Amino acid sequence: MLSPFSVVIPCFNEQARIGETLRVTLDYLAANAPTSELIVVNDGSTDATAAIVREVFSRTNIATRLLENFPNRGKGAAVRSGLLAAREPIGLFSDADLSTPLEETPKLIDPIANGEVDIAFGSRALDRSLIGIHQPWRREQGGRVFNLLVRVATGMPFWDTQCGFKAFRLDVCRPILEAARVNGFAFDVELLLLAQRAGLRIREIPVRWNHAEGSKVSFFRDSLRMLREVIAMRAHVATIDLNCPRAVR
């Protein structure tokens, strides 16, 4: 059995797959961590996402909550809302497409529960043999270039900041979640940059991953926007006075 944790799933117009995603997640929690909780953050969806979430939640014994962000504020804001509302000591967020199978969860939860790290996050770059279904070639190469630019711009040593599968020891990470400002898709970079500046222990972990159609990211528009966000966040992060309590070593 896994230590109890909170799963946060941000959603924006996910009516086509959110029902199955939640059923899979609830089944996983029931079998592996039944005292955990599942939080869905509906980020201003204009379709039936919220109604489907409520219907699935009405038929489970797992602790569940639906948070509503209106109007749409962006994935970063949704993830932060969910993690800050979490009631368990460890918070894990996963993309709604479950590109990283939930069976990979122990890779992230166990090092935090054992006191080894404060943040553990999945990576597609450290062992690409774990990728089952690849992204289209142009998108995959663009992701590699983006992460290289992130390394150069921030000085961080990580090879895949954008994998939507990350876990946090919430008592020490709360200050960085409260200080973060990026609401768009570069929010992952900001959280890791803040955590590094605060001296938190971070581990990048290779995970299995499969591309799923239906991404909300536009290759050209959002890549340029994310790069602008990364450049702007460096100055912002440098001005923040972080006071993260240290986990017991």
C-alpha atoms as a PDB file:
ATOM      1  CA  MET A   1       0.000   0.000   0.000  1.00  0.00           C
ATOM      2  CA  LEU A   2       1.108   3.565  -0.722  1.00  0.00           C
ATOM      3  CA  SER A   3       1.194   6.345   1.851  1.00  0.00           C
ATOM      4  CA  PRO A   4      -1.962   8.499   1.608  1.00  0.00           C
ATOM      5  CA  PHE A   5      -1.687  11.279  -0.948  1.00  0.00           C
ATOM      6  CA  SER A   6      -3.863  13.773  -2.808  1.00  0.00           C
ATOM      7  CA  VAL A   7      -4.251  13.424  -6.570  1.00  0.00           C
ATOM      8  CA  VAL A   8      -4.949  16.695  -8.406  1.00  0.00           C
ATOM      9  CA  ILE A   9      -6.248  16.595 -11.983  1.00  0.00           C
ATOM     10  CA  PRO A  10      -6.682  19.959 -13.773  1.00  0.00           C
ATOM     11  CA  CYS A  11      -9.384  19.974 -16.453  1.00  0.00           C
ATOM     12  CA  PHE A  12     -10.440  22.283 -19.241  1.00  0.00           C
ATOM     13  CA  ASN A  13     -13.125  21.023 -21.633  1.00  0.00           C
ATOM     14  CA  GLU A  14     -12.294  17.362 -21.043  1.00  0.00           C
ATOM     15  CA  GLN A  15     -15.784  15.858 -21.401  1.00  0.00           C
ATOM     16  CA  ALA A  16     -14.559  13.310 -23.947  1.00  0.00           C
ATOM     17  CA  ARG A  17     -12.194  11.532 -21.559  1.00  0.00           C
ATOM     18  CA  ILE A  18     -12.616  12.783 -18.002  1.00  0.00           C
ATOM     19  CA  GLY A  19     -15.131  10.092 -17.063  1.00  0.00           C
ATOM     20  CA  GLU A  20     -12.787   7.236 -17.945  1.00  0.00           C
ATOM     21  CA  THR A  21      -9.814   9.064 -16.407  1.00  0.00           C
ATOM     22  CA  LEU A  22     -11.620   9.402 -13.097  1.00  0.00           C
ATOM     23  CA  ARG A  23     -12.825   5.808 -13.084  1.00  0.00           C
ATOM     24  CA  VAL A  24      -9.266   4.563 -13.694  1.00  0.00           C
ATOM     25  CA  THR A  25      -7.888   6.866 -10.999  1.00  0.00           C
ATOM     26  CA  LEU A  26     -10.494   5.902  -8.423  1.00  0.00           C
ATOM     27  CA  ASP A  27      -9.927   2.200  -9.098  1.00  0.00           C
ATOM     28  CA  TYR A  28      -6.182   2.709  -8.641  1.00  0.00           C
ATOM     29  CA  LEU A  29      -6.648   4.553  -5.351  1.00  0.00           C
ATOM     30  CA  ALA A  30      -9.128   1.970  -4.046  1.00  0.00           C
ATOM     31  CA  ALA A  31      -6.599  -0.800  -4.682  1.00  0.00           C
ATOM     32  CA  ASN A  32      -3.391   0.965  -3.616  1.00  0.00           C
ATOM     33  CA  ALA A  33      -4.138   3.937  -1.338  1.00  0.00           C
ATOM     34  CA  PRO A  34      -7.804   3.858  -0.248  1.00  0.00           C
ATOM     35  CA  THR A  35      -7.465   6.676   2.308  1.00  0.00           C
ATOM     36  CA  SER A  36      -6.145   9.082  -0.329  1.00  0.00           C
ATOM     37  CA  GLU A  37      -8.225  11.784  -2.016  1.00  0.00           C
ATOM     38  CA  LEU A  38      -8.924  12.857  -5.573  1.00  0.00           C
ATOM     39  CA  ILE A  39      -9.321  16.549  -6.409  1.00  0.00           C
ATOM     40  CA  VAL A  40     -10.461  17.741  -9.824  1.00  0.00           C
ATOM     41  CA  VAL A  41     -10.009  21.415 -10.669  1.00  0.00           C
ATOM     42  CA  ASN A  42     -12.404  22.469 -13.409  1.00  0.00           C
ATOM     43  CA  ASP A  43     -10.665  25.411 -15.051  1.00  0.00           C
ATOM     44  CA  GLY A  44     -13.617  27.256 -16.559  1.00  0.00           C
ATOM     45  CA  SER A  45     -14.810  24.459 -18.844  1.00  0.00           C
ATOM     46  CA  THR A  46     -17.676  25.348 -21.159  1.00  0.00           C
ATOM     47  CA  ASP A  47     -18.668  21.745 -21.888  1.00  0.00           C
ATOM     48  CA  ALA A  48     -20.061  18.954 -19.679  1.00  0.00           C
ATOM     49  CA  THR A  49     -16.799  18.320 -17.785  1.00  0.00           C
ATOM     50  CA  ALA A  50     -18.149  19.384 -14.379  1.00  0.00           C
ATOM     51  CA  ALA A  51     -21.364  17.396 -14.722  1.00  0.00           C
ATOM     52  CA  ILE A  52     -19.446  14.230 -15.631  1.00  0.00           C
ATOM     53  CA  VAL A  53     -17.087  14.704 -12.685  1.00  0.00           C
ATOM     54  CA  ARG A  54     -19.995  15.074 -10.255  1.00  0.00           C
ATOM     55  CA  GLU A  55     -21.687  11.961 -11.641  1.00  0.00           C
ATOM     56  CA  VAL A  56     -18.566   9.795 -11.288  1.00  0.00           C
ATOM     57  CA  PHE A  57     -17.810  11.190  -7.817  1.00  0.00           C
ATOM     58  CA  SER A  58     -21.323  10.318  -6.639  1.00  0.00           C
ATOM     59  CA  ARG A  59     -20.547   6.605  -7.018  1.00  0.00           C
ATOM     60  CA  THR A  60     -17.288   6.185  -5.073  1.00  0.00           C
ATOM     61  CA  ASN A  61     -16.186   5.737  -1.475  1.00  0.00           C
ATOM     62  CA  ILE A  62     -12.862   7.511  -2.101  1.00  0.00           C
ATOM     63  CA  ALA A  63     -12.657  11.067  -0.760  1.00  0.00           C
ATOM     64  CA  THR A  64     -13.286  13.424  -3.680  1.00  0.00           C
ATOM     65  CA  ARG A  65     -13.678  17.129  -4.348  1.00  0.00           C
ATOM     66  CA  LEU A  66     -14.485  19.252  -7.379  1.00  0.00           C
ATOM     67  CA  LEU A  67     -13.017  22.765  -7.356  1.00  0.00           C
ATOM     68  CA  GLU A  68     -14.241  25.358  -9.844  1.00  0.00           C
ATOM     69  CA  ASN A  69     -12.032  28.058 -11.378  1.00  0.00           C
ATOM     70  CA  PHE A  70     -14.106  30.624 -13.286  1.00  0.00           C
ATOM     71  CA  PRO A  71     -13.316  32.080 -15.690  1.00  0.00           C
ATOM     72  CA  ASN A  72     -10.555  29.949 -17.195  1.00  0.00           C
ATOM     73  CA  ARG A  73      -7.279  30.942 -15.529  1.00  0.00           C
ATOM     74  CA  GLY A  74      -4.803  28.456 -16.991  1.00  0.00           C
ATOM     75  CA  LYS A  75      -3.299  25.108 -16.071  1.00  0.00           C
ATOM     76  CA  GLY A  76      -0.803  26.585 -13.625  1.00  0.00           C
ATOM     77  CA  ALA A  77      -3.525  28.285 -11.604  1.00  0.00           C
ATOM     78  CA  ALA A  78      -5.607  25.095 -11.620  1.00  0.00           C
ATOM     79  CA  VAL A  79      -2.760  22.908 -10.381  1.00  0.00           C
ATOM     80  CA  ARG A  80      -1.851  25.360  -7.618  1.00  0.00           C
ATOM     81  CA  SER A  81      -5.490  25.607  -6.498  1.00  0.00           C
ATOM     82  CA  GLY A  82      -5.707  21.851  -6.189  1.00  0.00           C
ATOM     83  CA  LEU A  83      -2.392  21.367  -4.406  1.00  0.00           C
ATOM     84  CA  LEU A  84      -3.081  24.192  -1.937  1.00  0.00           C
ATOM     85  CA  ALA A  85      -6.469  22.625  -1.146  1.00  0.00           C
ATOM     86  CA  ALA A  86      -5.007  19.133  -0.618  1.00  0.00           C
ATOM     87  CA  ARG A  87      -5.490  17.556   2.808  1.00  0.00           C
ATOM     88  CA  GLU A  88      -2.885  14.806   2.572  1.00  0.00           C
ATOM     89  CA  PRO A  89       0.864  15.328   3.246  1.00  0.00           C
ATOM     90  CA  ILE A  90       1.832  14.541  -0.362  1.00  0.00           C
ATOM     91  CA  GLY A  91       0.190  16.042  -3.428  1.00  0.00           C
ATOM     92  CA  LEU A  92       0.536  14.588  -6.920  1.00  0.00           C
ATOM     93  CA  PHE A  93      -0.830  16.202 -10.038  1.00  0.00           C
ATOM     94  CA  SER A  94      -1.502  14.294 -13.218  1.00  0.00           C
ATOM     95  CA  ASP A  95      -2.680  15.444 -16.617  1.00  0.00           C
ATOM     96  CA  ALA A  96      -6.244  14.461 -17.489  1.00  0.00           C
ATOM     97  CA  ASP A  97      -5.060  12.226 -20.322  1.00  0.00           C
ATOM     98  CA  LEU A  98      -3.085   9.967 -17.936  1.00  0.00           C
ATOM     99  CA  SER A  99      -0.177   9.952 -20.386  1.00  0.00           C
ATOM    100  CA  THR A 100       1.926   8.666 -17.511  1.00  0.00           C
ATOM    101  CA  PRO A 101       0.147   5.539 -16.238  1.00  0.00           C
ATOM    102  CA  LEU A 102      -0.875   5.660 -12.592  1.00  0.00           C
ATOM    103  CA  GLU A 103       1.141   2.490 -12.025  1.00  0.00           C
ATOM    104  CA  GLU A 104       4.190   4.806 -12.094  1.00  0.00           C
ATOM    105  CA  THR A 105       2.925   6.637  -8.979  1.00  0.00           C
ATOM    106  CA  PRO A 106       5.147   4.776  -6.443  1.00  0.00           C
ATOM    107  CA  LYS A 107       8.229   6.097  -8.240  1.00  0.00           C
ATOM    108  CA  LEU A 108       7.232   9.591  -7.091  1.00  0.00           C
ATOM    109  CA  ILE A 109       5.343   8.979  -3.845  1.00  0.00           C
ATOM    110  CA  ASP A 110       7.758   6.572  -2.145  1.00  0.00           C
ATOM    111  CA  PRO A 111      10.887   8.812  -2.193  1.00  0.00           C
ATOM    112  CA  ILE A 112       8.870  11.642  -0.640  1.00  0.00           C
ATOM    113  CA  ALA A 113       7.169   9.396   1.941  1.00  0.00           C
ATOM    114  CA  ASN A 114      10.588   7.960   2.863  1.00  0.00           C
ATOM    115  CA  GLY A 115      12.016  11.434   3.494  1.00  0.00           C
ATOM    116  CA  GLU A 116      14.478  11.301   0.607  1.00  0.00           C
ATOM    117  CA  VAL A 117      13.196  14.268  -1.440  1.00  0.00           C
ATOM    118  CA  ASP A 118      10.707  17.142  -1.293  1.00  0.00           C
ATOM    119  CA  ILE A 119       9.695  17.106  -4.964  1.00  0.00           C
ATOM    120  CA  ALA A 120       9.736  14.146  -7.354  1.00  0.00           C
ATOM    121  CA  PHE A 121       8.700  14.518 -10.973  1.00  0.00           C
ATOM    122  CA  GLY A 122       8.356  12.277 -13.970  1.00  0.00           C
ATOM    123  CA  SER A 123      10.671  12.592 -16.933  1.00  0.00           C
ATOM    124  CA  ARG A 124      10.414  11.375 -20.503  1.00  0.00           C
ATOM    125  CA  ALA A 125      13.975  12.437 -21.302  1.00  0.00           C
ATOM    126  CA  LEU A 126      16.032  10.331 -18.900  1.00  0.00           C
ATOM    127  CA  ASP A 127      15.040   6.999 -20.456  1.00  0.00           C
ATOM    128  CA  ARG A 128      13.265   7.369 -23.786  1.00  0.00           C
ATOM    129  CA  SER A 129      12.892   3.595 -24.067  1.00  0.00           C
ATOM    130  CA  LEU A 130      10.010   4.005 -21.582  1.00  0.00           C
ATOM    131  CA  ILE A 131       8.021   6.032 -24.117  1.00  0.00           C
ATOM    132  CA  GLY A 132       5.397   3.782 -25.684  1.00  0.00           C
ATOM    133  CA  ILE A 133       3.570   6.058 -28.116  1.00  0.00           C
ATOM    134  CA  HIS A 134       5.678   9.019 -29.205  1.00  0.00           C
ATOM    135  CA  GLN A 135       4.437  12.519 -29.942  1.00  0.00           C
ATOM    136  CA  PRO A 136       4.468  13.675 -33.565  1.00  0.00           C
ATOM    137  CA  TRP A 137       8.102  14.224 -34.590  1.00  0.00           C
ATOM    138  CA  ARG A 138       7.884  18.026 -34.792  1.00  0.00           C
ATOM    139  CA  ARG A 139       6.295  18.330 -31.333  1.00  0.00           C
ATOM    140  CA  GLU A 140       8.791  15.940 -29.745  1.00  0.00           C
ATOM    141  CA  GLN A 141      11.787  17.766 -31.196  1.00  0.00           C
ATOM    142  CA  GLY A 142      10.271  21.080 -30.169  1.00  0.00           C
ATOM    143  CA  GLY A 143       9.954  19.800 -26.621  1.00  0.00           C
ATOM    144  CA  ARG A 144      13.612  18.851 -26.574  1.00  0.00           C
ATOM    145  CA  VAL A 145      14.625  22.293 -27.803  1.00  0.00           C
ATOM    146  CA  PHE A 146      12.360  23.976 -25.250  1.00  0.00           C
ATOM    147  CA  ASN A 147      13.877  22.019 -22.378  1.00  0.00           C
ATOM    148  CA  LEU A 148      17.389  22.794 -23.587  1.00  0.00           C
ATOM    149  CA  LEU A 149      16.517  26.494 -23.636  1.00  0.00           C
ATOM    150  CA  VAL A 150      15.044  26.185 -20.142  1.00  0.00           C
ATOM    151  CA  ARG A 151      18.318  24.679 -18.893  1.00  0.00           C
ATOM    152  CA  VAL A 152      20.293  27.538 -20.434  1.00  0.00           C
ATOM    153  CA  ALA A 153      17.904  30.263 -19.227  1.00  0.00           C
ATOM    154  CA  THR A 154      17.476  29.011 -15.644  1.00  0.00           C
ATOM    155  CA  GLY A 155      20.614  27.036 -14.887  1.00  0.00           C
ATOM    156  CA  MET A 156      18.499  24.112 -13.702  1.00  0.00           C
ATOM    157  CA  PRO A 157      19.904  20.628 -14.450  1.00  0.00           C
ATOM    158  CA  PHE A 158      16.618  18.964 -15.416  1.00  0.00           C
ATOM    159  CA  TRP A 159      15.910  17.476 -18.844  1.00  0.00           C
ATOM    160  CA  ASP A 160      12.105  17.371 -18.854  1.00  0.00           C
ATOM    161  CA  THR A 161      10.317  20.058 -16.862  1.00  0.00           C
ATOM    162  CA  GLN A 162       7.025  19.671 -18.751  1.00  0.00           C
ATOM    163  CA  CYS A 163       5.941  16.103 -18.002  1.00  0.00           C
ATOM    164  CA  GLY A 164       2.527  16.386 -16.339  1.00  0.00           C
ATOM    165  CA  PHE A 165       3.295  14.047 -13.458  1.00  0.00           C
ATOM    166  CA  LYS A 166       4.787  15.679 -10.353  1.00  0.00           C
ATOM    167  CA  ALA A 167       4.583  15.100  -6.593  1.00  0.00           C
ATOM    168  CA  PHE A 168       5.235  17.484  -3.710  1.00  0.00           C
ATOM    169  CA  ARG A 169       5.802  17.265   0.039  1.00  0.00           C
ATOM    170  CA  LEU A 170       3.197  19.880   0.751  1.00  0.00           C
ATOM    171  CA  ASP A 171       4.339  21.175   4.138  1.00  0.00           C
ATOM    172  CA  VAL A 172       7.652  22.386   2.691  1.00  0.00           C
ATOM    173  CA  CYS A 173       6.306  23.239  -0.772  1.00  0.00           C
ATOM    174  CA  ARG A 174       3.389  25.429   0.304  1.00  0.00           C
ATOM    175  CA  PRO A 175       5.483  28.660   0.226  1.00  0.00           C
ATOM    176  CA  ILE A 176       6.559  28.061  -3.379  1.00  0.00           C
ATOM    177  CA  LEU A 177       2.991  27.243  -4.428  1.00  0.00           C
ATOM    178  CA  GLU A 178       1.788  30.483  -2.830  1.00  0.00           C
ATOM    179  CA  ALA A 179       4.608  32.528  -4.397  1.00  0.00           C
ATOM    180  CA  ALA A 180       4.194  31.186  -7.937  1.00  0.00           C
ATOM    181  CA  ARG A 181       2.547  33.495 -10.471  1.00  0.00           C
ATOM    182  CA  VAL A 182       2.691  31.782 -13.866  1.00  0.00           C
ATOM    183  CA  ASN A 183      -0.770  30.555 -14.864  1.00  0.00           C
ATOM    184  CA  GLY A 184       0.162  29.160 -18.260  1.00  0.00           C
ATOM    185  CA  PHE A 185       1.939  26.009 -19.391  1.00  0.00           C
ATOM    186  CA  ALA A 186       5.371  27.157 -18.101  1.00  0.00           C
ATOM    187  CA  PHE A 187       4.186  26.946 -14.500  1.00  0.00           C
ATOM    188  CA  ASP A 188       6.189  23.721 -14.010  1.00  0.00           C
ATOM    189  CA  VAL A 189       9.425  25.590 -14.699  1.00  0.00           C
ATOM    190  CA  GLU A 190       8.530  28.296 -12.186  1.00  0.00           C
ATOM    191  CA  LEU A 191       7.732  25.789  -9.424  1.00  0.00           C
ATOM    192  CA  LEU A 192      11.010  23.936  -9.961  1.00  0.00           C
ATOM    193  CA  LEU A 193      12.972  27.176 -10.129  1.00  0.00           C
ATOM    194  CA  LEU A 194      11.403  28.406  -6.889  1.00  0.00           C
ATOM    195  CA  ALA A 195      12.052  25.043  -5.240  1.00  0.00           C
ATOM    196  CA  GLN A 196      15.692  25.077  -6.308  1.00  0.00           C
ATOM    197  CA  ARG A 197      16.128  28.601  -4.998  1.00  0.00           C
ATOM    198  CA  ALA A 198      14.580  27.536  -1.675  1.00  0.00           C
ATOM    199  CA  GLY A 199      17.060  24.683  -1.360  1.00  0.00           C
ATOM    200  CA  LEU A 200      14.455  21.927  -1.584  1.00  0.00           C
ATOM    201  CA  ARG A 201      15.467  18.417  -2.604  1.00  0.00           C
ATOM    202  CA  ILE A 202      14.298  17.670  -6.152  1.00  0.00           C
ATOM    203  CA  ARG A 203      14.543  14.422  -8.090  1.00  0.00           C
ATOM    204  CA  GLU A 204      13.817  13.850 -11.791  1.00  0.00           C
ATOM    205  CA  ILE A 205      12.652  10.266 -12.307  1.00  0.00           C
ATOM    206  CA  PRO A 206      12.204   8.365 -15.584  1.00  0.00           C
ATOM    207  CA  VAL A 207       8.615   7.199 -16.090  1.00  0.00           C
ATOM    208  CA  ARG A 208       6.600   5.376 -18.713  1.00  0.00           C
ATOM    209  CA  TRP A 209       4.683   7.742 -20.983  1.00  0.00           C
ATOM    210  CA  ASN A 210       2.347   7.540 -23.979  1.00  0.00           C
ATOM    211  CA  HIS A 211       1.228  10.369 -26.214  1.00  0.00           C
ATOM    212  CA  ALA A 212      -2.522  10.988 -26.153  1.00  0.00           C
ATOM    213  CA  GLU A 213      -4.359  13.066 -28.749  1.00  0.00           C
ATOM    214  CA  GLY A 214      -6.270  16.121 -27.596  1.00  0.00           C
ATOM    215  CA  SER A 215      -3.484  18.255 -26.134  1.00  0.00           C
ATOM    216  CA  LYS A 216      -4.474  21.845 -25.349  1.00  0.00           C
ATOM    217  CA  VAL A 217      -0.944  23.040 -26.248  1.00  0.00           C
ATOM    218  CA  SER A 218      -0.424  24.733 -29.602  1.00  0.00           C
ATOM    219  CA  PHE A 219       3.102  23.857 -30.759  1.00  0.00           C
ATOM    220  CA  PHE A 220       4.060  27.278 -32.162  1.00  0.00           C
ATOM    221  CA  ARG A 221       1.920  29.732 -30.179  1.00  0.00           C
ATOM    222  CA  ASP A 222       2.385  28.174 -26.749  1.00  0.00           C
ATOM    223  CA  SER A 223       6.083  27.349 -27.163  1.00  0.00           C
ATOM    224  CA  LEU A 224       6.851  31.010 -27.833  1.00  0.00           C
ATOM    225  CA  ARG A 225       4.623  32.102 -24.960  1.00  0.00           C
ATOM    226  CA  MET A 226       6.266  29.638 -22.576  1.00  0.00           C
ATOM    227  CA  LEU A 227       9.720  30.900 -23.511  1.00  0.00           C
ATOM    228  CA  ARG A 228       8.618  34.478 -22.799  1.00  0.00           C
ATOM    229  CA  GLU A 229       7.220  33.312 -19.458  1.00  0.00           C
ATOM    230  CA  VAL A 230      10.490  31.567 -18.572  1.00  0.00           C
ATOM    231  CA  ILE A 231      12.537  34.665 -19.359  1.00  0.00           C
ATOM    232  CA  ALA A 232      10.180  36.905 -17.352  1.00  0.00           C
ATOM    233  CA  MET A 233       9.986  34.555 -14.370  1.00  0.00           C
ATOM    234  CA  ARG A 234      13.743  34.663 -13.750  1.00  0.00           C
ATOM    235  CA  ALA A 235      13.524  38.276 -12.616  1.00  0.00           C
ATOM    236  CA  HIS A 236      10.385  37.611 -10.586  1.00  0.00           C
ATOM    237  CA  VAL A 237      11.831  34.587  -8.782  1.00  0.00           C
ATOM    238  CA  ALA A 238      14.956  36.536  -7.840  1.00  0.00           C
ATOM    239  CA  THR A 239      12.833  39.038  -5.877  1.00  0.00           C
ATOM    240  CA  ILE A 240      10.897  36.488  -3.803  1.00  0.00           C
ATOM    241  CA  ASP A 241      11.828  35.929  -0.171  1.00  0.00           C
ATOM    242  CA  LEU A 242      11.112  32.239   0.285  1.00  0.00           C
ATOM    243  CA  ASN A 243      10.889  30.667   3.707  1.00  0.00           C
ATOM    244  CA  CYS A 244      10.296  26.985   3.129  1.00  0.00           C
ATOM    245  CA  PRO A 245      10.461  24.830   6.261  1.00  0.00           C
ATOM    246  CA  ARG A 246      12.983  22.063   5.790  1.00  0.00           C
ATOM    247  CA  ALA A 247      11.816  18.477   5.799  1.00  0.00           C
ATOM    248  CA  VAL A 248      13.336  16.211   8.422  1.00  0.00           C
ATOM    249  CA  ARG A 249      16.578  14.870   6.960  1.00  0.00           C
END
